[in-house]
Amino acid sequence: MDARLREFARQTKGFMPEAEGLALHQAGMEASAIGPLLEVGSYCGLSALYLGSAARDSGTVLITVDHHRGSEETQPGWEHHDPEVVDPRSGRIDTLPFLRRTLEETGLEGTVIVIVGDSPAVSPVVAGGLGLLFIDGGHALDVAMADYTAWAGHLAAGGLLAIHDVFEDSAEGGQAPFEVWQRAVADGFVPVSTTGSLRLLRHH
């Protein structure tokens, strides 16, 4: 990943340490040989930068899906709330302008396809054959599991499933992504690697 984009990533709002982002980028490079990439949970575009640059360099696309109203943990009064992403007109979170700016300033507008909508509602209208699926939307158990259920079947054979914020110890973080990881393993996905809280699995 080129130095300019790495530096831009360091200045982009988000919750992904650089080591995890670079691991995601490498996974995107590998998975692009199989099919397009898709992420659930755009926020302000940090992970889209890592995955989008991999897609561009590999000649494919990244589809990023988010309703852009924030997940539970980014709402006012919660730990990860950022008042800068609140629309002063409506008083609601709106991260879409931040995502658009990230894609514009990094030259990724032609590579990243932005879909604004609720993840499970979007999945039936998007074709399968994905090379990589990255799940990083809401972290409440019902939301995270619904994202997995809606999208896991879209992965091509040999494709990669990436899950963010996987913590086995509840003292380190919420357990929903870990439960999704456990469900994926039970469904036959094969664990590939762990980088921080980012876990990769391969579709059987």
Protein backbone atom coordinates (compact mmCIF):
# COMPACT_ATOMS: atom_id res chain seq x y z
CA MET A 1 0.00 0.00 0.00
CA ASP A 2 1.56 3.29 -1.04
CA ALA A 3 2.87 5.75 1.54
CA ARG A 4 0.45 8.54 0.61
CA LEU A 5 -2.62 6.40 1.28
CA ARG A 6 -1.12 5.04 4.49
CA GLU A 7 -0.62 8.59 5.72
CA PHE A 8 -4.16 9.55 4.71
CA ALA A 9 -5.47 6.52 6.61
CA ARG A 10 -3.74 7.72 9.77
CA GLN A 11 -5.77 10.94 9.57
CA THR A 12 -9.13 9.33 8.75
CA LYS A 13 -11.80 8.88 11.42
CA GLY A 14 -12.29 5.26 12.36
CA PHE A 15 -11.56 2.47 14.78
CA MET A 16 -8.97 0.34 12.97
CA PRO A 17 -5.30 0.31 14.00
CA GLU A 18 -2.87 0.51 11.10
CA ALA A 19 -1.59 -3.05 11.51
CA GLU A 20 -5.14 -4.38 11.15
CA GLY A 21 -5.79 -2.10 8.19
CA LEU A 22 -2.69 -3.32 6.38
CA ALA A 23 -3.69 -6.94 7.06
CA LEU A 24 -7.12 -6.15 5.62
CA HIS A 25 -5.47 -4.56 2.58
CA GLN A 26 -3.34 -7.66 2.02
CA ALA A 27 -6.43 -9.87 2.32
CA GLY A 28 -8.16 -7.66 -0.23
CA MET A 29 -5.26 -8.03 -2.64
CA GLU A 30 -5.42 -11.83 -2.35
CA ALA A 31 -9.20 -12.06 -2.52
CA SER A 32 -9.45 -9.80 -5.57
CA ALA A 33 -8.27 -12.71 -7.68
CA ILE A 34 -11.54 -14.48 -6.78
CA GLY A 35 -14.09 -11.68 -7.05
CA PRO A 36 -15.22 -8.23 -5.90
CA LEU A 37 -14.86 -7.12 -2.29
CA LEU A 38 -17.70 -6.06 0.01
CA GLU A 39 -17.72 -4.48 3.44
CA VAL A 40 -20.60 -4.04 5.84
CA GLY A 41 -20.00 -0.87 7.84
CA SER A 42 -18.42 2.12 6.10
CA TYR A 43 -18.38 4.79 8.84
CA CYS A 44 -16.08 7.52 7.48
CA GLY A 45 -14.18 5.34 5.04
CA LEU A 46 -11.09 4.10 6.88
CA SER A 47 -11.54 0.43 6.01
CA ALA A 48 -12.82 1.42 2.54
CA LEU A 49 -9.50 3.12 2.00
CA TYR A 50 -7.56 -0.06 2.80
CA LEU A 51 -9.88 -2.35 0.84
CA GLY A 52 -10.57 0.12 -1.95
CA SER A 53 -6.90 0.63 -2.70
CA ALA A 54 -6.46 -3.16 -2.86
CA ALA A 55 -9.44 -3.43 -5.22
CA ARG A 56 -8.14 -0.65 -7.46
CA ASP A 57 -4.66 -2.12 -7.66
CA SER A 58 -6.13 -5.54 -8.48
CA GLY A 59 -8.62 -4.39 -11.10
CA THR A 60 -11.83 -5.07 -9.20
CA VAL A 61 -14.26 -3.05 -7.03
CA LEU A 62 -15.23 -2.63 -3.40
CA ILE A 63 -18.90 -2.39 -2.47
CA THR A 64 -19.43 -0.64 0.86
CA VAL A 65 -22.80 -0.89 2.62
CA ASP A 66 -23.96 1.33 5.50
CA HIS A 67 -27.07 3.27 6.53
CA HIS A 68 -24.70 6.01 7.80
CA ARG A 69 -26.81 6.74 10.88
CA GLY A 70 -24.27 5.22 13.24
CA SER A 71 -24.30 1.98 15.17
CA GLU A 72 -25.42 1.68 18.78
CA GLU A 73 -21.95 2.30 20.19
CA THR A 74 -21.49 5.58 18.24
CA GLN A 75 -24.72 7.22 19.44
CA PRO A 76 -24.69 10.16 21.89
CA GLY A 77 -23.77 9.05 25.39
CA TRP A 78 -21.86 5.99 24.18
CA GLU A 79 -18.10 5.43 24.29
CA HIS A 80 -17.36 5.92 20.58
CA HIS A 81 -19.62 8.91 19.93
CA ASP A 82 -18.05 11.70 17.86
CA PRO A 83 -20.11 14.92 17.79
CA GLU A 84 -18.40 15.98 14.54
CA VAL A 85 -20.39 13.37 12.59
CA VAL A 86 -23.75 14.71 13.80
CA ASP A 87 -25.75 16.61 11.16
CA PRO A 88 -26.58 19.97 12.83
CA ARG A 89 -29.77 20.26 10.78
CA SER A 90 -31.33 16.97 11.88
CA GLY A 91 -29.37 16.20 15.04
CA ARG A 92 -28.77 12.69 13.69
CA ILE A 93 -25.49 10.99 12.88
CA ASP A 94 -24.63 11.19 9.17
CA THR A 95 -21.25 9.74 8.22
CA LEU A 96 -21.93 9.67 4.46
CA PRO A 97 -20.32 13.08 3.75
CA PHE A 98 -17.16 11.93 5.54
CA LEU A 99 -17.03 8.74 3.48
CA ARG A 100 -17.50 10.68 0.25
CA ARG A 101 -14.68 13.03 1.20
CA THR A 102 -12.36 10.12 1.99
CA LEU A 103 -13.02 8.51 -1.40
CA GLU A 104 -12.68 11.81 -3.27
CA GLU A 105 -9.43 12.81 -1.65
CA THR A 106 -7.85 9.39 -2.17
CA GLY A 107 -8.98 9.00 -5.78
CA LEU A 108 -11.10 5.94 -5.00
CA GLU A 109 -14.49 7.19 -6.23
CA GLY A 110 -14.20 5.10 -9.39
CA THR A 111 -13.41 1.92 -7.45
CA VAL A 112 -15.67 2.04 -4.40
CA ILE A 113 -19.40 1.56 -4.94
CA VAL A 114 -21.32 3.15 -2.08
CA ILE A 115 -24.69 1.67 -1.14
CA VAL A 116 -26.68 3.55 1.50
CA GLY A 117 -29.12 1.24 3.21
CA ASP A 118 -29.71 -1.36 5.89
CA SER A 119 -27.34 -4.29 5.37
CA PRO A 120 -29.83 -7.23 5.43
CA ALA A 121 -32.20 -5.31 3.15
CA VAL A 122 -29.42 -4.67 0.63
CA SER A 123 -28.04 -8.22 0.45
CA PRO A 124 -30.78 -9.79 -1.74
CA VAL A 125 -30.12 -7.30 -4.55
CA VAL A 126 -26.34 -7.75 -4.67
CA ALA A 127 -24.89 -10.62 -6.69
CA GLY A 128 -22.77 -13.33 -5.09
CA GLY A 129 -19.32 -14.48 -6.10
CA LEU A 130 -17.54 -12.15 -3.69
CA GLY A 131 -13.84 -12.60 -3.11
CA LEU A 132 -13.95 -11.00 0.33
CA LEU A 133 -16.65 -10.11 2.85
CA PHE A 134 -15.70 -7.77 5.69
CA ILE A 135 -18.18 -7.57 8.59
CA ASP A 136 -17.73 -4.42 10.69
CA GLY A 137 -21.19 -2.94 11.13
CA GLY A 138 -23.16 -2.67 14.36
CA HIS A 139 -21.76 -4.71 17.24
CA ALA A 140 -24.99 -5.59 19.03
CA LEU A 141 -25.39 -9.37 18.74
CA ASP A 142 -28.61 -9.32 16.72
CA VAL A 143 -27.19 -6.77 14.27
CA ALA A 144 -23.81 -8.47 13.81
CA MET A 145 -25.38 -11.90 13.40
CA ALA A 146 -27.94 -10.54 10.92
CA ASP A 147 -25.08 -9.13 8.82
CA TYR A 148 -23.34 -12.51 8.80
CA THR A 149 -26.54 -14.39 7.97
CA ALA A 150 -27.42 -11.97 5.18
CA TRP A 151 -24.03 -11.94 3.47
CA ALA A 152 -22.02 -15.12 4.20
CA GLY A 153 -23.71 -16.97 1.34
CA HIS A 154 -22.48 -14.32 -1.12
CA LEU A 155 -18.86 -15.47 -0.78
CA ALA A 156 -17.35 -17.50 -3.58
CA ALA A 157 -15.60 -20.78 -2.80
CA GLY A 158 -12.15 -19.95 -1.47
CA GLY A 159 -13.19 -16.39 -0.64
CA LEU A 160 -12.17 -14.67 2.58
CA LEU A 161 -14.41 -13.66 5.47
CA ALA A 162 -12.96 -10.86 7.64
CA ILE A 163 -14.50 -9.99 11.01
CA HIS A 164 -13.38 -6.96 13.02
CA ASP A 165 -13.33 -6.38 16.78
CA VAL A 166 -13.17 -10.06 17.71
CA PHE A 167 -12.32 -10.37 21.41
CA GLU A 168 -12.46 -13.69 23.25
CA ASP A 169 -12.14 -11.90 26.61
CA SER A 170 -15.14 -9.69 27.43
CA ALA A 171 -12.81 -7.39 29.40
CA GLU A 172 -11.21 -6.39 26.08
CA GLY A 173 -14.38 -5.72 24.11
CA GLY A 174 -17.92 -6.73 23.21
CA GLN A 175 -18.59 -10.37 22.43
CA ALA A 176 -20.89 -10.15 19.39
CA PRO A 177 -18.12 -10.28 16.74
CA PHE A 178 -16.54 -13.23 18.58
CA GLU A 179 -19.90 -15.03 18.52
CA VAL A 180 -20.14 -14.35 14.78
CA TRP A 181 -16.64 -15.80 14.37
CA GLN A 182 -17.69 -18.90 16.34
CA ARG A 183 -20.79 -19.26 14.17
CA ALA A 184 -18.66 -19.00 11.01
CA VAL A 185 -16.29 -21.70 12.25
CA ALA A 186 -19.28 -23.92 13.09
CA ASP A 187 -20.56 -23.31 9.55
CA GLY A 188 -17.31 -24.62 8.09
CA PHE A 189 -15.25 -21.48 7.54
CA VAL A 190 -11.58 -22.20 8.14
CA PRO A 191 -9.61 -19.75 10.33
CA VAL A 192 -6.65 -18.26 8.45
CA SER A 193 -5.08 -15.54 10.58
CA THR A 194 -5.47 -13.07 13.45
CA THR A 195 -4.07 -9.52 13.47
CA GLY A 196 -5.09 -7.68 16.61
CA SER A 197 -8.88 -7.92 16.66
CA LEU A 198 -9.14 -8.69 12.93
CA ARG A 199 -9.76 -12.35 12.09
CA LEU A 200 -9.71 -13.89 8.64
CA LEU A 201 -11.42 -17.12 7.63
CA ARG A 202 -11.64 -18.91 4.30
CA HIS A 203 -14.84 -20.17 2.72
CA HIS A 204 -14.68 -23.95 2.35
